[in-house]
């Protein structure tokens, strides 16, 4: 999975074998939690407040998040981080 690159831009994986290694279009909420390195309850909260859109496959099946949706969410976090001031070690704000 890509992350925030230089200047906060989202950087997709450049290695085509990375996509081949994990071709799943949909992720379980547990997989999303693992990708974001957060708890499952934090992912449920993101789904509840619609920060991350999830669908039920088959109506009564488990919740799933489309990989592209997760990437959009991460890109949005990177954009917010890019526009936010950086806290300094003394609690103040670092200048550019």
C-alpha atoms as a PDB file:
ATOM      1  CA  UNK A   1       0.000   0.000   0.000  1.00  0.00           C
ATOM      2  CA  UNK A   2       1.209   3.485  -0.759  1.00  0.00           C
ATOM      3  CA  UNK A   3       1.684   6.170   1.824  1.00  0.00           C
ATOM      4  CA  UNK A   4       2.362   9.875   2.137  1.00  0.00           C
ATOM      5  CA  UNK A   5       5.290  10.735  -0.084  1.00  0.00           C
ATOM      6  CA  UNK A   6       7.380  13.871  -0.273  1.00  0.00           C
ATOM      7  CA  UNK A   7       5.273  16.950   0.420  1.00  0.00           C
ATOM      8  CA  UNK A   8       2.420  14.732   1.610  1.00  0.00           C
ATOM      9  CA  UNK A   9       1.396  13.396  -1.800  1.00  0.00           C
ATOM     10  CA  UNK A  10      -0.039   9.902  -1.806  1.00  0.00           C
ATOM     11  CA  UNK A  11       2.432   7.540  -3.438  1.00  0.00           C
ATOM     12  CA  UNK A  12       1.065   4.297  -4.906  1.00  0.00           C
ATOM     13  CA  UNK A  13       3.114   1.127  -4.872  1.00  0.00           C
ATOM     14  CA  UNK A  14       5.430   1.240  -7.891  1.00  0.00           C
ATOM     15  CA  UNK A  15       6.195  -2.484  -7.808  1.00  0.00           C
ATOM     16  CA  UNK A  16       3.650  -4.350  -9.958  1.00  0.00           C
ATOM     17  CA  UNK A  17       4.339  -7.553  -8.016  1.00  0.00           C
ATOM     18  CA  UNK A  18       2.980  -5.818  -4.901  1.00  0.00           C
ATOM     19  CA  UNK A  19      -0.463  -5.593  -6.513  1.00  0.00           C
ATOM     20  CA  UNK A  20      -0.203  -9.177  -7.727  1.00  0.00           C
ATOM     21  CA  UNK A  21       0.655 -10.342  -4.216  1.00  0.00           C
ATOM     22  CA  UNK A  22      -2.619  -8.909  -2.851  1.00  0.00           C
ATOM     23  CA  UNK A  23      -5.197  -8.697  -5.636  1.00  0.00           C
ATOM     24  CA  UNK A  24      -8.229  -8.537  -3.319  1.00  0.00           C
ATOM     25  CA  UNK A  25     -10.610  -5.741  -4.298  1.00  0.00           C
ATOM     26  CA  UNK A  26     -12.440  -5.839  -0.970  1.00  0.00           C
ATOM     27  CA  UNK A  27     -10.932  -5.948   2.514  1.00  0.00           C
ATOM     28  CA  UNK A  28     -12.533  -7.097   5.744  1.00  0.00           C
ATOM     29  CA  UNK A  29     -12.657  -4.583   8.569  1.00  0.00           C
ATOM     30  CA  UNK A  30      -9.974  -6.642  10.285  1.00  0.00           C
ATOM     31  CA  UNK A  31      -7.726  -6.273   7.229  1.00  0.00           C
ATOM     32  CA  UNK A  32      -8.364  -2.522   7.161  1.00  0.00           C
ATOM     33  CA  UNK A  33      -7.394  -2.333  10.842  1.00  0.00           C
ATOM     34  CA  UNK A  34      -4.180  -4.193  10.071  1.00  0.00           C
ATOM     35  CA  UNK A  35      -3.360  -1.936   7.097  1.00  0.00           C
ATOM     36  CA  UNK A  36      -3.933   1.214   9.180  1.00  0.00           C
ATOM     37  CA  UNK A  37      -2.295  -0.286  12.282  1.00  0.00           C
ATOM     38  CA  UNK A  38      -5.328   0.576  14.417  1.00  0.00           C
ATOM     39  CA  UNK A  39      -7.825  -1.468  16.405  1.00  0.00           C
ATOM     40  CA  UNK A  40     -10.882  -3.068  14.854  1.00  0.00           C
ATOM     41  CA  UNK A  41     -13.097  -0.821  16.990  1.00  0.00           C
ATOM     42  CA  UNK A  42     -11.394   2.244  15.477  1.00  0.00           C
ATOM     43  CA  UNK A  43     -12.222   0.953  11.999  1.00  0.00           C
ATOM     44  CA  UNK A  44     -15.857   0.379  13.043  1.00  0.00           C
ATOM     45  CA  UNK A  45     -15.939   4.004  14.241  1.00  0.00           C
ATOM     46  CA  UNK A  46     -14.603   5.192  10.858  1.00  0.00           C
ATOM     47  CA  UNK A  47     -17.326   3.183   9.107  1.00  0.00           C
ATOM     48  CA  UNK A  48     -20.051   4.436  11.468  1.00  0.00           C
ATOM     49  CA  UNK A  49     -19.165   8.098  10.859  1.00  0.00           C
ATOM     50  CA  UNK A  50     -18.715   7.367   7.127  1.00  0.00           C
ATOM     51  CA  UNK A  51     -15.076   8.441   7.054  1.00  0.00           C
ATOM     52  CA  UNK A  52     -14.555   5.090   5.330  1.00  0.00           C
ATOM     53  CA  UNK A  53     -17.379   3.678   3.200  1.00  0.00           C
ATOM     54  CA  UNK A  54     -18.098  -0.008   3.763  1.00  0.00           C
ATOM     55  CA  UNK A  55     -20.589  -2.341   2.113  1.00  0.00           C
ATOM     56  CA  UNK A  56     -22.175  -5.621   3.072  1.00  0.00           C
ATOM     57  CA  UNK A  57     -21.601  -8.215   0.400  1.00  0.00           C
ATOM     58  CA  UNK A  58     -24.671 -10.418  -0.007  1.00  0.00           C
ATOM     59  CA  UNK A  59     -26.854  -8.318   2.270  1.00  0.00           C
ATOM     60  CA  UNK A  60     -26.175 -10.165   5.522  1.00  0.00           C
ATOM     61  CA  UNK A  61     -22.489 -10.869   5.019  1.00  0.00           C
ATOM     62  CA  UNK A  62     -19.587  -9.187   6.764  1.00  0.00           C
ATOM     63  CA  UNK A  63     -18.719  -5.562   6.117  1.00  0.00           C
ATOM     64  CA  UNK A  64     -16.113  -4.965   3.400  1.00  0.00           C
ATOM     65  CA  UNK A  65     -14.133  -1.910   2.338  1.00  0.00           C
ATOM     66  CA  UNK A  66     -13.082  -1.505  -1.260  1.00  0.00           C
ATOM     67  CA  UNK A  67      -9.291  -1.147  -1.489  1.00  0.00           C
ATOM     68  CA  UNK A  68      -9.699   2.026  -3.603  1.00  0.00           C
ATOM     69  CA  UNK A  69     -11.867   3.530  -0.828  1.00  0.00           C
ATOM     70  CA  UNK A  70      -9.163   2.829   1.743  1.00  0.00           C
ATOM     71  CA  UNK A  71      -6.580   4.461  -0.547  1.00  0.00           C
ATOM     72  CA  UNK A  72      -8.834   7.556  -0.900  1.00  0.00           C
ATOM     73  CA  UNK A  73      -9.154   7.764   2.877  1.00  0.00           C
ATOM     74  CA  UNK A  74      -5.373   7.578   3.318  1.00  0.00           C
ATOM     75  CA  UNK A  75      -4.827  10.190   0.582  1.00  0.00           C
ATOM     76  CA  UNK A  76      -7.240  12.487   2.437  1.00  0.00           C
ATOM     77  CA  UNK A  77      -5.280  12.036   5.657  1.00  0.00           C
ATOM     78  CA  UNK A  78      -2.095  12.920   3.791  1.00  0.00           C
ATOM     79  CA  UNK A  79      -3.709  16.066   2.394  1.00  0.00           C
ATOM     80  CA  UNK A  80      -4.818  17.166   5.875  1.00  0.00           C
ATOM     81  CA  UNK A  81      -1.346  16.463   7.243  1.00  0.00           C
ATOM     82  CA  UNK A  82       0.249  18.469   4.455  1.00  0.00           C
ATOM     83  CA  UNK A  83      -1.875  21.511   5.288  1.00  0.00           C
ATOM     84  CA  UNK A  84      -1.505  21.233   9.066  1.00  0.00           C
ATOM     85  CA  UNK A  85       1.191  22.986  11.080  1.00  0.00           C
ATOM     86  CA  UNK A  86       3.969  20.762  12.366  1.00  0.00           C
ATOM     87  CA  UNK A  87       4.328  20.849  16.164  1.00  0.00           C
ATOM     88  CA  UNK A  88       7.827  21.576  17.407  1.00  0.00           C
ATOM     89  CA  UNK A  89       9.558  19.776  20.261  1.00  0.00           C
ATOM     90  CA  UNK A  90       8.678  22.590  22.672  1.00  0.00           C
ATOM     91  CA  UNK A  91       4.983  22.489  21.786  1.00  0.00           C
ATOM     92  CA  UNK A  92       5.217  25.444  19.412  1.00  0.00           C
ATOM     93  CA  UNK A  93       4.796  25.285  15.643  1.00  0.00           C
ATOM     94  CA  UNK A  94       7.761  24.740  13.332  1.00  0.00           C
ATOM     95  CA  UNK A  95       8.081  27.108  10.381  1.00  0.00           C
ATOM     96  CA  UNK A  96       8.244  25.677   6.851  1.00  0.00           C
END
